Amino acid sequence: MPNYNAQNPPNSVYSGDVVFAFNAEAPVAGQASQQFALPSYAGFPENGRTIRWQTMFGTAPTSVSVVLQTAMIDSDAQYATVDTSTATTGEARTVAGVRGNFIRAKVSAMTGGSGVTVQLLG
């Protein structure tokens, strides 16, 4: 998977959807997942939403940092981190008030481990 997949148009994540940013993959530090569009139901991207996401590992790493990023414009330089997971056993997290039109996961750092899976729940 490339560091940034500029699929145009990106897949959308609607309320209740589950998508895999990484699915039992082997990303390296600095590698971003596929981006997903976050539809704005009210027509304004400023409306905050709650995003649930989960990290899982086939084999637990000794250290890891996976970040959840959003952007108003689908450009690699525009993505900003809204949450970070450092749990080597994986975890489910919830972030409220997320504003943005696009979302992705990015592996900031990882030592050891394999089979990285990151689920995003719209």
C-alpha atoms as a PDB file:
ATOM      1  CA  MET A   1       0.000   0.000   0.000  1.00  0.00           C
ATOM      2  CA  PRO A   2       1.405   3.434  -0.852  1.00  0.00           C
ATOM      3  CA  ASN A   3       2.020   6.052   1.828  1.00  0.00           C
ATOM      4  CA  TYR A   4      -0.964   7.968   0.524  1.00  0.00           C
ATOM      5  CA  ASN A   5      -3.575   6.521  -1.757  1.00  0.00           C
ATOM      6  CA  ALA A   6      -5.234   9.310  -3.715  1.00  0.00           C
ATOM      7  CA  GLN A   7      -8.230   7.299  -4.890  1.00  0.00           C
ATOM      8  CA  ASN A   8     -10.607   9.728  -6.514  1.00  0.00           C
ATOM      9  CA  PRO A   9     -13.299   9.786  -5.332  1.00  0.00           C
ATOM     10  CA  PRO A  10     -12.488   8.101  -2.019  1.00  0.00           C
ATOM     11  CA  ASN A  11     -14.896   5.633  -0.436  1.00  0.00           C
ATOM     12  CA  SER A  12     -17.357   7.222   2.001  1.00  0.00           C
ATOM     13  CA  VAL A  13     -18.006   6.240   5.612  1.00  0.00           C
ATOM     14  CA  TYR A  14     -21.633   6.723   6.611  1.00  0.00           C
ATOM     15  CA  SER A  15     -23.083   6.448  10.094  1.00  0.00           C
ATOM     16  CA  GLY A  16     -23.078   2.773  11.076  1.00  0.00           C
ATOM     17  CA  ASP A  17     -20.486   1.753   8.462  1.00  0.00           C
ATOM     18  CA  VAL A  18     -17.361  -0.199   9.361  1.00  0.00           C
ATOM     19  CA  VAL A  19     -14.316   0.178   7.109  1.00  0.00           C
ATOM     20  CA  PHE A  20     -10.776  -1.139   7.354  1.00  0.00           C
ATOM     21  CA  ALA A  21      -8.004   1.429   7.112  1.00  0.00           C
ATOM     22  CA  PHE A  22      -5.535  -1.472   7.470  1.00  0.00           C
ATOM     23  CA  ASN A  23      -6.647  -5.097   7.307  1.00  0.00           C
ATOM     24  CA  ALA A  24      -4.054  -7.552   8.710  1.00  0.00           C
ATOM     25  CA  GLU A  25      -1.325  -5.648   6.867  1.00  0.00           C
ATOM     26  CA  ALA A  26       2.330  -4.815   7.485  1.00  0.00           C
ATOM     27  CA  PRO A  27       2.605  -1.017   7.276  1.00  0.00           C
ATOM     28  CA  VAL A  28       5.888   0.640   8.196  1.00  0.00           C
ATOM     29  CA  ALA A  29       6.344   3.761  10.306  1.00  0.00           C
ATOM     30  CA  GLY A  30       5.040   6.800   8.473  1.00  0.00           C
ATOM     31  CA  GLN A  31       2.663   4.849   6.257  1.00  0.00           C
ATOM     32  CA  ALA A  32      -0.880   6.192   5.926  1.00  0.00           C
ATOM     33  CA  SER A  33      -3.925   4.144   5.061  1.00  0.00           C
ATOM     34  CA  GLN A  34      -6.483   4.647   2.362  1.00  0.00           C
ATOM     35  CA  GLN A  35      -8.471   7.819   3.012  1.00  0.00           C
ATOM     36  CA  PHE A  36     -12.237   7.804   3.443  1.00  0.00           C
ATOM     37  CA  ALA A  37     -14.724  10.624   2.877  1.00  0.00           C
ATOM     38  CA  LEU A  38     -16.914  11.709   5.793  1.00  0.00           C
ATOM     39  CA  PRO A  39     -20.238  12.919   4.368  1.00  0.00           C
ATOM     40  CA  SER A  40     -21.723  16.003   5.985  1.00  0.00           C
ATOM     41  CA  TYR A  41     -25.406  15.434   6.638  1.00  0.00           C
ATOM     42  CA  ALA A  42     -26.215  19.051   7.414  1.00  0.00           C
ATOM     43  CA  GLY A  43     -24.197  20.343   4.483  1.00  0.00           C
ATOM     44  CA  PHE A  44     -21.515  21.899   6.658  1.00  0.00           C
ATOM     45  CA  PRO A  45     -18.215  20.147   7.485  1.00  0.00           C
ATOM     46  CA  GLU A  46     -18.012  22.111  10.761  1.00  0.00           C
ATOM     47  CA  ASN A  47     -20.598  19.827  12.363  1.00  0.00           C
ATOM     48  CA  GLY A  48     -18.697  17.614  14.775  1.00  0.00           C
ATOM     49  CA  ARG A  49     -19.289  13.871  14.747  1.00  0.00           C
ATOM     50  CA  THR A  50     -18.261  10.959  16.917  1.00  0.00           C
ATOM     51  CA  ILE A  51     -15.823   8.478  15.393  1.00  0.00           C
ATOM     52  CA  ARG A  52     -15.099   5.093  16.899  1.00  0.00           C
ATOM     53  CA  TRP A  53     -11.954   3.272  15.859  1.00  0.00           C
ATOM     54  CA  GLN A  54     -10.128   0.136  16.873  1.00  0.00           C
ATOM     55  CA  THR A  55      -6.576  -1.181  16.568  1.00  0.00           C
ATOM     56  CA  MET A  56      -5.780  -4.906  16.507  1.00  0.00           C
ATOM     57  CA  PHE A  57      -2.608  -6.893  15.912  1.00  0.00           C
ATOM     58  CA  GLY A  58      -2.026 -10.472  14.762  1.00  0.00           C
ATOM     59  CA  THR A  59       1.159 -10.468  16.852  1.00  0.00           C
ATOM     60  CA  ALA A  60       1.509  -7.736  19.460  1.00  0.00           C
ATOM     61  CA  PRO A  61       4.270  -5.178  18.823  1.00  0.00           C
ATOM     62  CA  THR A  62       6.641  -4.170  21.625  1.00  0.00           C
ATOM     63  CA  SER A  63       5.777  -0.520  20.965  1.00  0.00           C
ATOM     64  CA  VAL A  64       3.363   1.193  18.606  1.00  0.00           C
ATOM     65  CA  SER A  65       1.815   4.557  17.784  1.00  0.00           C
ATOM     66  CA  VAL A  66      -1.158   4.618  15.417  1.00  0.00           C
ATOM     67  CA  VAL A  67      -2.824   7.969  14.813  1.00  0.00           C
ATOM     68  CA  LEU A  68      -6.257   8.869  13.511  1.00  0.00           C
ATOM     69  CA  GLN A  69      -6.134  11.857  11.173  1.00  0.00           C
ATOM     70  CA  THR A  70      -8.720  14.091   9.511  1.00  0.00           C
ATOM     71  CA  ALA A  71      -8.580  16.814   6.871  1.00  0.00           C
ATOM     72  CA  MET A  72     -10.924  19.323   5.308  1.00  0.00           C
ATOM     73  CA  ILE A  73      -9.158  18.959   1.936  1.00  0.00           C
ATOM     74  CA  ASP A  74      -7.961  15.554   0.707  1.00  0.00           C
ATOM     75  CA  SER A  75      -4.276  16.398   0.517  1.00  0.00           C
ATOM     76  CA  ASP A  76      -1.537  14.559   2.416  1.00  0.00           C
ATOM     77  CA  ALA A  77      -0.178  17.809   3.891  1.00  0.00           C
ATOM     78  CA  GLN A  78      -3.628  18.796   5.223  1.00  0.00           C
ATOM     79  CA  TYR A  79      -4.180  15.804   7.522  1.00  0.00           C
ATOM     80  CA  ALA A  80      -4.006  16.529  11.268  1.00  0.00           C
ATOM     81  CA  THR A  81      -3.970  14.045  14.142  1.00  0.00           C
ATOM     82  CA  VAL A  82      -7.160  13.906  16.243  1.00  0.00           C
ATOM     83  CA  ASP A  83      -6.347  10.818  18.354  1.00  0.00           C
ATOM     84  CA  THR A  84      -3.476   8.419  19.085  1.00  0.00           C
ATOM     85  CA  SER A  85      -3.381   4.774  20.147  1.00  0.00           C
ATOM     86  CA  THR A  86      -0.252   3.348  21.798  1.00  0.00           C
ATOM     87  CA  ALA A  87      -1.754   0.140  23.217  1.00  0.00           C
ATOM     88  CA  THR A  88       0.355  -2.816  22.097  1.00  0.00           C
ATOM     89  CA  THR A  89      -2.552  -5.195  22.729  1.00  0.00           C
ATOM     90  CA  GLY A  90      -4.903  -3.113  20.580  1.00  0.00           C
ATOM     91  CA  GLU A  91      -7.824  -1.056  21.802  1.00  0.00           C
ATOM     92  CA  ALA A  92     -11.139   0.544  20.886  1.00  0.00           C
ATOM     93  CA  ARG A  93     -11.299   4.338  21.116  1.00  0.00           C
ATOM     94  CA  THR A  94     -13.954   7.010  20.662  1.00  0.00           C
ATOM     95  CA  VAL A  95     -13.324  10.581  19.560  1.00  0.00           C
ATOM     96  CA  ALA A  96     -16.104  13.171  19.828  1.00  0.00           C
ATOM     97  CA  GLY A  97     -16.390  16.468  17.982  1.00  0.00           C
ATOM     98  CA  VAL A  98     -14.424  15.301  14.935  1.00  0.00           C
ATOM     99  CA  ARG A  99     -14.571  17.873  12.168  1.00  0.00           C
ATOM    100  CA  GLY A 100     -13.363  17.164   8.686  1.00  0.00           C
ATOM    101  CA  ASN A 101     -14.289  15.830   5.299  1.00  0.00           C
ATOM    102  CA  PHE A 102     -11.731  13.010   5.157  1.00  0.00           C
ATOM    103  CA  ILE A 103     -10.304  10.498   7.619  1.00  0.00           C
ATOM    104  CA  ARG A 104      -7.446   7.982   7.648  1.00  0.00           C
ATOM    105  CA  ALA A 105      -5.153   6.043   9.981  1.00  0.00           C
ATOM    106  CA  LYS A 106      -1.376   6.350  10.021  1.00  0.00           C
ATOM    107  CA  VAL A 107       1.277   4.221  11.683  1.00  0.00           C
ATOM    108  CA  SER A 108       3.627   6.744  13.302  1.00  0.00           C
ATOM    109  CA  ALA A 109       5.938   4.168  14.885  1.00  0.00           C
ATOM    110  CA  MET A 110       5.972   0.412  15.379  1.00  0.00           C
ATOM    111  CA  THR A 111       8.531  -2.030  16.728  1.00  0.00           C
ATOM    112  CA  GLY A 112       7.900  -5.711  16.124  1.00  0.00           C
ATOM    113  CA  GLY A 113       4.450  -7.176  15.738  1.00  0.00           C
ATOM    114  CA  SER A 114       2.506  -8.045  12.619  1.00  0.00           C
ATOM    115  CA  GLY A 115      -0.944  -8.144  11.126  1.00  0.00           C
ATOM    116  CA  VAL A 116      -2.002  -4.533  11.756  1.00  0.00           C
ATOM    117  CA  THR A 117      -5.764  -3.981  11.523  1.00  0.00           C
ATOM    118  CA  VAL A 118      -7.435  -0.608  12.039  1.00  0.00           C
ATOM    119  CA  GLN A 119     -11.223  -0.387  11.855  1.00  0.00           C
ATOM    120  CA  LEU A 120     -13.107   2.875  11.530  1.00  0.00           C
ATOM    121  CA  LEU A 121     -16.742   2.970  12.577  1.00  0.00           C
ATOM    122  CA  GLY A 122     -18.767   5.850  11.168  1.00  0.00           C
END
